[in-house]
C-alpha atoms as a PDB file:
ATOM      1  CA  UNK A   1     -61.985 302.686 229.389  1.00  0.00           C
ATOM      2  CA  UNK A   2     -59.995 299.492 229.288  1.00  0.00           C
ATOM      3  CA  UNK A   3     -59.845 297.318 232.354  1.00  0.00           C
ATOM      4  CA  UNK A   4     -57.936 294.261 233.517  1.00  0.00           C
ATOM      5  CA  UNK A   5     -58.370 291.787 236.328  1.00  0.00           C
ATOM      6  CA  UNK A   6     -55.633 289.904 238.144  1.00  0.00           C
ATOM      7  CA  UNK A   7     -55.215 287.796 241.236  1.00  0.00           C
ATOM      8  CA  UNK A   8     -54.035 289.751 244.263  1.00  0.00           C
ATOM      9  CA  UNK A   9     -51.259 287.160 244.588  1.00  0.00           C
ATOM     10  CA  UNK A  10     -49.934 287.756 241.056  1.00  0.00           C
ATOM     11  CA  UNK A  11     -47.464 290.585 241.615  1.00  0.00           C
ATOM     12  CA  UNK A  12     -45.880 290.121 238.164  1.00  0.00           C
ATOM     13  CA  UNK A  13     -49.176 290.879 236.389  1.00  0.00           C
ATOM     14  CA  UNK A  14     -49.823 293.830 238.667  1.00  0.00           C
ATOM     15  CA  UNK A  15     -46.423 295.280 237.732  1.00  0.00           C
ATOM     16  CA  UNK A  16     -47.145 294.923 234.010  1.00  0.00           C
ATOM     17  CA  UNK A  17     -50.465 296.788 234.248  1.00  0.00           C
ATOM     18  CA  UNK A  18     -48.912 299.545 236.350  1.00  0.00           C
ATOM     19  CA  UNK A  19     -45.990 299.934 233.899  1.00  0.00           C
ATOM     20  CA  UNK A  20     -48.565 300.381 231.119  1.00  0.00           C
ATOM     21  CA  UNK A  21     -50.207 303.213 233.064  1.00  0.00           C
ATOM     22  CA  UNK A  22     -53.176 301.335 234.496  1.00  0.00           C
ATOM     23  CA  UNK A  23     -54.342 302.259 237.994  1.00  0.00           C
ATOM     24  CA  UNK A  24     -55.668 299.866 240.588  1.00  0.00           C
ATOM     25  CA  UNK A  25     -59.356 300.743 240.854  1.00  0.00           C
ATOM     26  CA  UNK A  26     -60.752 298.023 243.091  1.00  0.00           C
ATOM     27  CA  UNK A  27     -59.921 295.131 245.351  1.00  0.00           C
ATOM     28  CA  UNK A  28     -62.635 292.505 245.400  1.00  0.00           C
ATOM     29  CA  UNK A  29     -62.179 290.443 248.554  1.00  0.00           C
ATOM     30  CA  UNK A  30     -62.798 286.688 248.265  1.00  0.00           C
ATOM     31  CA  UNK A  31     -64.025 287.300 244.712  1.00  0.00           C
ATOM     32  CA  UNK A  32     -63.069 284.019 243.064  1.00  0.00           C
ATOM     33  CA  UNK A  33     -62.655 280.428 244.203  1.00  0.00           C
ATOM     34  CA  UNK A  34     -59.367 278.840 243.106  1.00  0.00           C
ATOM     35  CA  UNK A  35     -57.201 276.021 244.391  1.00  0.00           C
ATOM     36  CA  UNK A  36     -59.556 275.221 247.247  1.00  0.00           C
ATOM     37  CA  UNK A  37     -60.023 278.697 248.713  1.00  0.00           C
ATOM     38  CA  UNK A  38     -61.432 282.112 247.953  1.00  0.00           C
ATOM     39  CA  UNK A  39     -58.978 284.611 246.456  1.00  0.00           C
ATOM     40  CA  UNK A  40     -58.876 288.395 246.312  1.00  0.00           C
ATOM     41  CA  UNK A  41     -58.888 290.017 242.856  1.00  0.00           C
ATOM     42  CA  UNK A  42     -57.575 293.421 241.785  1.00  0.00           C
ATOM     43  CA  UNK A  43     -59.180 295.407 238.977  1.00  0.00           C
ATOM     44  CA  UNK A  44     -57.024 297.843 237.030  1.00  0.00           C
ATOM     45  CA  UNK A  45     -58.236 300.465 234.584  1.00  0.00           C
ATOM     46  CA  UNK A  46     -57.064 303.157 232.218  1.00  0.00           C
ATOM     47  CA  UNK A  47     -59.050 305.873 230.462  1.00  0.00           C
ATOM     48  CA  UNK A  48     -58.488 306.965 226.869  1.00  0.00           C
ATOM     49  CA  UNK A  49     -57.243 310.368 228.033  1.00  0.00           C
ATOM     50  CA  UNK A  50     -54.645 308.686 230.275  1.00  0.00           C
ATOM     51  CA  UNK A  51     -53.522 306.284 227.529  1.00  0.00           C
ATOM     52  CA  UNK A  52     -52.913 309.113 225.050  1.00  0.00           C
ATOM     53  CA  UNK A  53     -50.438 310.916 227.356  1.00  0.00           C
END
């Protein structure tokens, strides 16, 4: 398994992971504190069997 984490606001990064075959596996609400407020974070993942397709 390989996983990635990106801000829920960063649609460009989300698109890159999805184009590579990663799936959104989790949304962590108010997971990190940035720029004066809590931000949601998305976790993406891909399994070896999915990568090899």
